[in-house]
Amino acid sequence: MALVSIAALSVGPAAQADVAGDRALSAASKCQSGPWYPDYSYTFGSPYSFTAGKTRVRHAQLRLSDMNSAFVSTKWPGMTIWLERTDGRVCGPKKVVSQGDGTYLATVRYLSNPGHGVRVCIKYRTGDTRCGKWKKE
């Protein structure tokens, strides 16, 4: 009987609300966990990655698992970054965070792309958006 009451406590309304919130967050961002095995990252050059003034955006891919990630380094607060796939799936957005030295950073990972193109996009606090070229497999 003790096991039954413990199980009942763990799936009570509060626990169900936490699980529902986690599921909603995962469903909204569609990011995936990385591979469980060692993999190595390759950063794509232009036009998949780009630099605009004081903002550097890098699009990288884990070579064995085809998982994509993106990184932004900027001097501008309020910027967001995300990965998007040609079928509409999105990983992110994630807002840049101050490093305390006038630099703002953010990383989003991972989004797989077998059979789909993936690109990295940023949105400035002004609302302007810029994206790299679609990287197709």
N, C-alpha and C. Protein backbone atom coordinates (compact mmCIF):
# COMPACT_ATOMS: atom_id res chain seq x y z
N MET A 1 0.81 -1.19 0.00
CA MET A 1 0.00 0.00 0.00
C MET A 1 0.86 1.26 0.00
N ALA A 2 1.99 1.21 0.65
CA ALA A 2 2.85 2.39 0.69
C ALA A 2 3.29 2.79 -0.71
N LEU A 3 3.60 1.81 -1.56
CA LEU A 3 3.98 2.11 -2.93
C LEU A 3 2.86 2.79 -3.70
N VAL A 4 1.65 2.36 -3.48
CA VAL A 4 0.51 2.96 -4.17
C VAL A 4 0.36 4.42 -3.78
N SER A 5 0.49 4.72 -2.50
CA SER A 5 0.33 6.11 -2.07
C SER A 5 1.49 6.98 -2.56
N ILE A 6 2.70 6.43 -2.62
CA ILE A 6 3.83 7.20 -3.14
C ILE A 6 3.61 7.49 -4.62
N ALA A 7 3.18 6.48 -5.36
CA ALA A 7 2.91 6.68 -6.78
C ALA A 7 1.80 7.70 -6.98
N ALA A 8 0.79 7.66 -6.15
CA ALA A 8 -0.31 8.62 -6.27
C ALA A 8 0.18 10.03 -6.00
N LEU A 9 1.09 10.19 -5.05
CA LEU A 9 1.64 11.51 -4.77
C LEU A 9 2.47 12.03 -5.92
N SER A 10 3.20 11.15 -6.59
CA SER A 10 4.08 11.62 -7.65
C SER A 10 3.33 12.01 -8.92
N VAL A 11 2.09 11.59 -9.07
CA VAL A 11 1.34 11.98 -10.26
C VAL A 11 0.14 12.85 -9.90
N GLY A 12 0.21 13.51 -8.76
CA GLY A 12 -0.86 14.41 -8.35
C GLY A 12 -0.93 15.62 -9.25
N PRO A 13 -1.87 16.52 -9.02
CA PRO A 13 -2.08 17.69 -9.89
C PRO A 13 -0.83 18.55 -10.08
N ALA A 14 -0.06 18.77 -9.01
CA ALA A 14 1.14 19.61 -9.15
C ALA A 14 2.17 18.93 -10.05
N ALA A 15 2.38 17.64 -9.87
CA ALA A 15 3.33 16.92 -10.71
C ALA A 15 2.85 16.91 -12.15
N GLN A 16 1.56 16.73 -12.37
CA GLN A 16 1.02 16.72 -13.72
C GLN A 16 1.18 18.08 -14.38
N ALA A 17 1.03 19.15 -13.63
CA ALA A 17 1.21 20.49 -14.18
C ALA A 17 2.66 20.71 -14.61
N ASP A 18 3.64 20.23 -13.80
CA ASP A 18 5.04 20.36 -14.16
C ASP A 18 5.35 19.60 -15.44
N VAL A 19 4.84 18.37 -15.54
CA VAL A 19 5.07 17.56 -16.73
C VAL A 19 4.43 18.23 -17.94
N ALA A 20 3.23 18.73 -17.79
CA ALA A 20 2.56 19.41 -18.90
C ALA A 20 3.34 20.63 -19.34
N GLY A 21 3.88 21.40 -18.40
CA GLY A 21 4.69 22.58 -18.74
C GLY A 21 5.95 22.19 -19.49
N ASP A 22 6.61 21.12 -19.04
CA ASP A 22 7.81 20.65 -19.73
C ASP A 22 7.48 20.19 -21.14
N ARG A 23 6.38 19.48 -21.30
CA ARG A 23 5.98 19.01 -22.64
C ARG A 23 5.65 20.19 -23.55
N ALA A 24 4.98 21.18 -23.01
CA ALA A 24 4.63 22.35 -23.83
C ALA A 24 5.89 23.08 -24.29
N LEU A 25 6.87 23.22 -23.38
CA LEU A 25 8.12 23.87 -23.74
C LEU A 25 8.85 23.08 -24.82
N SER A 26 8.93 21.76 -24.67
CA SER A 26 9.59 20.92 -25.67
C SER A 26 8.87 21.01 -26.99
N ALA A 27 7.55 20.97 -26.97
CA ALA A 27 6.78 21.01 -28.21
C ALA A 27 6.96 22.35 -28.91
N ALA A 28 7.07 23.43 -28.14
CA ALA A 28 7.21 24.76 -28.73
C ALA A 28 8.59 24.93 -29.36
N SER A 29 9.64 24.46 -28.71
CA SER A 29 10.99 24.70 -29.21
C SER A 29 11.45 23.64 -30.20
N LYS A 30 10.99 22.42 -30.07
CA LYS A 30 11.34 21.31 -30.97
C LYS A 30 12.84 21.03 -31.03
N CYS A 31 13.59 21.46 -30.02
CA CYS A 31 15.01 21.12 -29.96
C CYS A 31 15.13 19.66 -29.54
N GLN A 32 16.23 19.06 -29.92
CA GLN A 32 16.45 17.66 -29.62
C GLN A 32 17.69 17.50 -28.76
N SER A 33 17.79 16.38 -28.03
CA SER A 33 19.02 16.14 -27.28
C SER A 33 20.10 15.67 -28.24
N GLY A 34 21.31 15.92 -27.85
CA GLY A 34 22.45 15.51 -28.67
C GLY A 34 22.66 14.01 -28.61
N PRO A 35 23.58 13.53 -29.42
CA PRO A 35 23.83 12.09 -29.46
C PRO A 35 24.49 11.61 -28.16
N TRP A 36 24.31 10.35 -27.86
CA TRP A 36 24.90 9.77 -26.66
C TRP A 36 26.34 9.34 -26.92
N TYR A 37 26.74 9.31 -28.17
CA TYR A 37 28.09 8.86 -28.54
C TYR A 37 28.94 10.07 -28.92
N PRO A 38 30.25 9.93 -28.88
CA PRO A 38 31.12 11.04 -29.26
C PRO A 38 30.90 11.44 -30.72
N ASP A 39 30.84 12.70 -30.96
CA ASP A 39 30.63 13.24 -32.31
C ASP A 39 31.52 14.47 -32.44
N TYR A 40 31.74 14.95 -33.64
CA TYR A 40 32.56 16.14 -33.79
C TYR A 40 31.81 17.18 -34.61
N SER A 41 32.05 18.43 -34.25
CA SER A 41 31.34 19.55 -34.83
C SER A 41 32.12 20.16 -35.99
N TYR A 42 31.41 20.56 -37.02
CA TYR A 42 31.98 21.26 -38.15
C TYR A 42 31.20 22.56 -38.32
N THR A 43 31.90 23.70 -38.34
CA THR A 43 31.24 24.99 -38.53
C THR A 43 31.24 25.34 -40.01
N PHE A 44 30.04 25.63 -40.52
CA PHE A 44 29.91 26.01 -41.92
C PHE A 44 30.32 27.47 -42.10
N GLY A 45 30.94 27.76 -43.21
CA GLY A 45 31.32 29.13 -43.53
C GLY A 45 30.15 29.87 -44.18
N SER A 46 30.48 31.02 -44.77
CA SER A 46 29.48 31.83 -45.46
C SER A 46 28.98 31.04 -46.68
N PRO A 47 27.74 31.08 -47.00
CA PRO A 47 26.64 31.94 -46.56
C PRO A 47 25.77 31.33 -45.45
N TYR A 48 26.18 30.18 -44.89
CA TYR A 48 25.40 29.53 -43.83
C TYR A 48 25.64 30.22 -42.48
N SER A 49 26.87 30.60 -42.23
CA SER A 49 27.24 31.43 -41.09
C SER A 49 27.48 32.83 -41.63
N PHE A 50 27.34 33.85 -40.78
CA PHE A 50 27.53 35.20 -41.29
C PHE A 50 27.96 36.15 -40.18
N THR A 51 28.50 37.28 -40.60
CA THR A 51 28.90 38.37 -39.70
C THR A 51 28.22 39.63 -40.21
N ALA A 52 27.65 40.39 -39.28
CA ALA A 52 27.01 41.65 -39.63
C ALA A 52 27.44 42.68 -38.59
N GLY A 53 28.39 43.52 -38.94
CA GLY A 53 28.88 44.51 -37.97
C GLY A 53 29.53 43.81 -36.78
N LYS A 54 28.99 44.05 -35.59
CA LYS A 54 29.53 43.48 -34.36
C LYS A 54 28.85 42.16 -33.98
N THR A 55 28.10 41.59 -34.89
CA THR A 55 27.37 40.35 -34.61
C THR A 55 27.94 39.20 -35.45
N ARG A 56 28.34 38.12 -34.77
CA ARG A 56 28.83 36.92 -35.45
C ARG A 56 27.84 35.79 -35.22
N VAL A 57 27.42 35.15 -36.29
CA VAL A 57 26.48 34.03 -36.21
C VAL A 57 27.14 32.82 -36.85
N ARG A 58 27.18 31.71 -36.12
CA ARG A 58 27.82 30.49 -36.59
C ARG A 58 26.81 29.35 -36.64
N HIS A 59 26.77 28.65 -37.77
CA HIS A 59 25.93 27.47 -37.96
C HIS A 59 26.88 26.28 -38.01
N ALA A 60 26.67 25.32 -37.12
CA ALA A 60 27.54 24.14 -37.05
C ALA A 60 26.70 22.87 -37.10
N GLN A 61 27.38 21.77 -37.43
CA GLN A 61 26.69 20.48 -37.49
C GLN A 61 27.59 19.39 -36.91
N LEU A 62 26.98 18.53 -36.10
CA LEU A 62 27.68 17.33 -35.66
C LEU A 62 27.71 16.39 -36.85
N ARG A 63 28.88 15.98 -37.27
CA ARG A 63 29.05 15.31 -38.55
C ARG A 63 28.46 13.90 -38.60
N LEU A 64 28.57 13.14 -37.52
CA LEU A 64 28.07 11.77 -37.56
C LEU A 64 26.56 11.69 -37.40
N SER A 65 26.00 12.54 -36.57
CA SER A 65 24.57 12.47 -36.26
C SER A 65 23.71 13.46 -37.04
N ASP A 66 24.31 14.34 -37.82
CA ASP A 66 23.57 15.36 -38.59
C ASP A 66 22.73 16.27 -37.69
N MET A 67 23.20 16.56 -36.50
CA MET A 67 22.49 17.46 -35.59
C MET A 67 23.10 18.86 -35.73
N ASN A 68 22.25 19.86 -35.90
CA ASN A 68 22.68 21.23 -36.12
C ASN A 68 22.60 22.06 -34.85
N SER A 69 23.51 23.01 -34.73
CA SER A 69 23.50 23.97 -33.63
C SER A 69 23.86 25.34 -34.18
N ALA A 70 23.59 26.37 -33.39
CA ALA A 70 23.90 27.73 -33.82
C ALA A 70 24.35 28.54 -32.62
N PHE A 71 25.18 29.54 -32.90
CA PHE A 71 25.78 30.38 -31.87
C PHE A 71 25.77 31.82 -32.36
N VAL A 72 25.47 32.75 -31.46
CA VAL A 72 25.55 34.17 -31.81
C VAL A 72 26.36 34.89 -30.73
N SER A 73 27.22 35.79 -31.16
CA SER A 73 27.98 36.67 -30.29
C SER A 73 27.74 38.08 -30.81
N THR A 74 27.31 38.98 -29.92
CA THR A 74 26.96 40.33 -30.36
C THR A 74 27.22 41.36 -29.26
N LYS A 75 27.16 42.60 -29.62
CA LYS A 75 27.24 43.70 -28.66
C LYS A 75 25.85 44.25 -28.36
N TRP A 76 24.82 43.67 -28.98
CA TRP A 76 23.46 44.20 -28.88
C TRP A 76 22.57 43.32 -28.00
N PRO A 77 22.02 43.87 -26.92
CA PRO A 77 21.09 43.10 -26.09
C PRO A 77 19.75 42.93 -26.81
N GLY A 78 18.98 41.96 -26.36
CA GLY A 78 17.63 41.78 -26.89
C GLY A 78 17.54 40.96 -28.16
N MET A 79 18.66 40.46 -28.66
CA MET A 79 18.65 39.66 -29.88
C MET A 79 18.23 38.23 -29.57
N THR A 80 17.56 37.56 -30.51
CA THR A 80 17.22 36.15 -30.36
C THR A 80 17.78 35.37 -31.54
N ILE A 81 18.00 34.06 -31.31
CA ILE A 81 18.54 33.18 -32.33
C ILE A 81 17.71 31.90 -32.34
N TRP A 82 17.56 31.29 -33.51
CA TRP A 82 16.88 30.01 -33.61
C TRP A 82 17.34 29.29 -34.87
N LEU A 83 17.10 27.98 -34.88
CA LEU A 83 17.31 27.15 -36.06
C LEU A 83 15.94 26.81 -36.63
N GLU A 84 15.82 26.79 -37.94
CA GLU A 84 14.57 26.36 -38.54
C GLU A 84 14.84 25.40 -39.68
N ARG A 85 13.88 24.51 -39.90
CA ARG A 85 13.99 23.47 -40.91
C ARG A 85 12.96 23.71 -42.00
N THR A 86 13.21 23.21 -43.20
CA THR A 86 12.31 23.46 -44.33
C THR A 86 10.90 22.91 -44.11
N ASP A 87 10.73 21.97 -43.21
CA ASP A 87 9.39 21.45 -42.93
C ASP A 87 8.67 22.24 -41.85
N GLY A 88 9.27 23.36 -41.38
CA GLY A 88 8.64 24.22 -40.39
C GLY A 88 9.05 23.98 -38.96
N ARG A 89 9.80 22.93 -38.69
CA ARG A 89 10.23 22.66 -37.32
C ARG A 89 11.26 23.71 -36.90
N VAL A 90 11.17 24.18 -35.65
CA VAL A 90 12.04 25.24 -35.15
C VAL A 90 12.67 24.81 -33.82
N CYS A 91 13.94 25.12 -33.65
CA CYS A 91 14.64 24.92 -32.38
C CYS A 91 14.98 26.31 -31.87
N GLY A 92 14.35 26.73 -30.81
CA GLY A 92 14.52 28.05 -30.26
C GLY A 92 13.17 28.76 -30.27
N PRO A 93 13.11 30.05 -30.16
CA PRO A 93 14.22 31.00 -30.09
C PRO A 93 14.83 31.07 -28.69
N LYS A 94 16.05 31.55 -28.66
CA LYS A 94 16.75 31.77 -27.40
C LYS A 94 17.31 33.18 -27.42
N LYS A 95 17.13 33.89 -26.31
CA LYS A 95 17.57 35.28 -26.20
C LYS A 95 19.03 35.32 -25.73
N VAL A 96 19.78 36.31 -26.24
CA VAL A 96 21.18 36.46 -25.83
C VAL A 96 21.25 36.87 -24.36
N VAL A 97 22.35 36.47 -23.73
CA VAL A 97 22.58 36.73 -22.31
C VAL A 97 23.89 37.50 -22.16
N SER A 98 23.88 38.52 -21.30
CA SER A 98 25.07 39.34 -21.07
C SER A 98 26.17 38.52 -20.41
N GLN A 99 27.40 38.73 -20.88
CA GLN A 99 28.57 38.08 -20.30
C GLN A 99 29.27 39.00 -19.30
N GLY A 100 28.74 40.21 -19.10
CA GLY A 100 29.30 41.15 -18.14
C GLY A 100 30.42 42.00 -18.69
N ASP A 101 30.81 41.77 -19.93
CA ASP A 101 31.90 42.54 -20.53
C ASP A 101 31.44 43.30 -21.78
N GLY A 102 30.12 43.49 -21.92
CA GLY A 102 29.58 44.16 -23.09
C GLY A 102 29.27 43.21 -24.24
N THR A 103 29.48 41.91 -24.02
CA THR A 103 29.21 40.90 -25.03
C THR A 103 27.98 40.11 -24.63
N TYR A 104 27.16 39.76 -25.61
CA TYR A 104 25.96 38.96 -25.40
C TYR A 104 26.08 37.69 -26.24
N LEU A 105 25.79 36.55 -25.62
CA LEU A 105 25.93 35.26 -26.29
C LEU A 105 24.65 34.44 -26.17
N ALA A 106 24.44 33.55 -27.14
CA ALA A 106 23.37 32.56 -27.06
C ALA A 106 23.72 31.39 -27.98
N THR A 107 23.31 30.20 -27.56
CA THR A 107 23.50 28.98 -28.35
C THR A 107 22.19 28.22 -28.39
N VAL A 108 21.83 27.68 -29.53
CA VAL A 108 20.68 26.78 -29.64
C VAL A 108 21.18 25.47 -30.23
N ARG A 109 20.70 24.38 -29.67
CA ARG A 109 21.04 23.05 -30.18
C ARG A 109 20.04 22.04 -29.70
N TYR A 110 19.78 21.07 -30.33
CA TYR A 110 20.13 20.52 -31.62
C TYR A 110 18.87 20.35 -32.45
N LEU A 111 19.04 20.39 -33.78
CA LEU A 111 17.95 20.16 -34.72
C LEU A 111 18.51 19.28 -35.84
N SER A 112 17.94 18.10 -36.02
CA SER A 112 18.43 17.20 -37.06
C SER A 112 17.91 17.64 -38.43
N ASN A 113 18.60 17.19 -39.48
CA ASN A 113 18.16 17.61 -40.81
C ASN A 113 18.18 16.54 -41.88
N PRO A 114 18.08 15.25 -41.57
CA PRO A 114 18.03 14.29 -42.68
C PRO A 114 16.82 14.56 -43.58
N GLY A 115 17.09 14.79 -44.86
CA GLY A 115 16.04 15.04 -45.82
C GLY A 115 15.47 16.44 -45.81
N HIS A 116 16.01 17.33 -44.99
CA HIS A 116 15.51 18.70 -44.88
C HIS A 116 16.67 19.68 -44.89
N GLY A 117 16.38 20.92 -45.28
CA GLY A 117 17.34 22.00 -45.15
C GLY A 117 17.18 22.64 -43.78
N VAL A 118 18.28 23.16 -43.24
CA VAL A 118 18.27 23.87 -41.94
C VAL A 118 19.03 25.17 -42.12
N ARG A 119 18.54 26.21 -41.46
CA ARG A 119 19.27 27.49 -41.46
C ARG A 119 19.16 28.11 -40.08
N VAL A 120 20.07 29.05 -39.82
CA VAL A 120 20.07 29.80 -38.56
C VAL A 120 19.53 31.19 -38.85
N CYS A 121 18.71 31.70 -37.92
CA CYS A 121 18.16 33.05 -38.05
C CYS A 121 18.36 33.81 -36.75
N ILE A 122 18.50 35.12 -36.88
CA ILE A 122 18.54 36.00 -35.71
C ILE A 122 17.50 37.09 -35.90
N LYS A 123 17.04 37.59 -34.78
CA LYS A 123 16.11 38.72 -34.80
C LYS A 123 16.67 39.79 -33.88
N TYR A 124 16.86 40.97 -34.44
CA TYR A 124 17.35 42.10 -33.67
C TYR A 124 16.22 42.65 -32.80
N ARG A 125 16.56 43.39 -31.79
CA ARG A 125 15.52 43.96 -30.92
C ARG A 125 14.64 44.95 -31.65
N THR A 126 15.10 45.42 -32.81
CA THR A 126 14.30 46.33 -33.63
C THR A 126 13.22 45.58 -34.41
N GLY A 127 13.31 44.24 -34.43
CA GLY A 127 12.35 43.43 -35.17
C GLY A 127 12.89 42.93 -36.50
N ASP A 128 14.02 43.50 -36.95
CA ASP A 128 14.62 43.04 -38.21
C ASP A 128 15.14 41.61 -38.04
N THR A 129 14.99 40.80 -39.07
CA THR A 129 15.42 39.41 -39.04
C THR A 129 16.43 39.16 -40.15
N ARG A 130 17.42 38.33 -39.86
CA ARG A 130 18.40 37.93 -40.86
C ARG A 130 18.65 36.44 -40.70
N CYS A 131 18.71 35.74 -41.83
CA CYS A 131 18.93 34.29 -41.81
C CYS A 131 20.09 33.92 -42.72
N GLY A 132 20.76 32.83 -42.38
CA GLY A 132 21.77 32.26 -43.26
C GLY A 132 21.09 31.48 -44.37
N LYS A 133 21.87 30.99 -45.28
CA LYS A 133 21.35 30.19 -46.40
C LYS A 133 20.94 28.82 -45.87
N TRP A 134 19.94 28.20 -46.52
CA TRP A 134 19.50 26.85 -46.16
C TRP A 134 20.65 25.87 -46.42
N LYS A 135 20.99 25.08 -45.41
CA LYS A 135 21.98 24.02 -45.56
C LYS A 135 21.23 22.73 -45.80
N LYS A 136 21.34 22.19 -47.01
CA LYS A 136 20.60 20.98 -47.37
C LYS A 136 21.50 19.77 -47.35
N GLU A 137 20.93 18.66 -46.99
CA GLU A 137 21.68 17.39 -46.97
C GLU A 137 21.45 16.63 -48.25
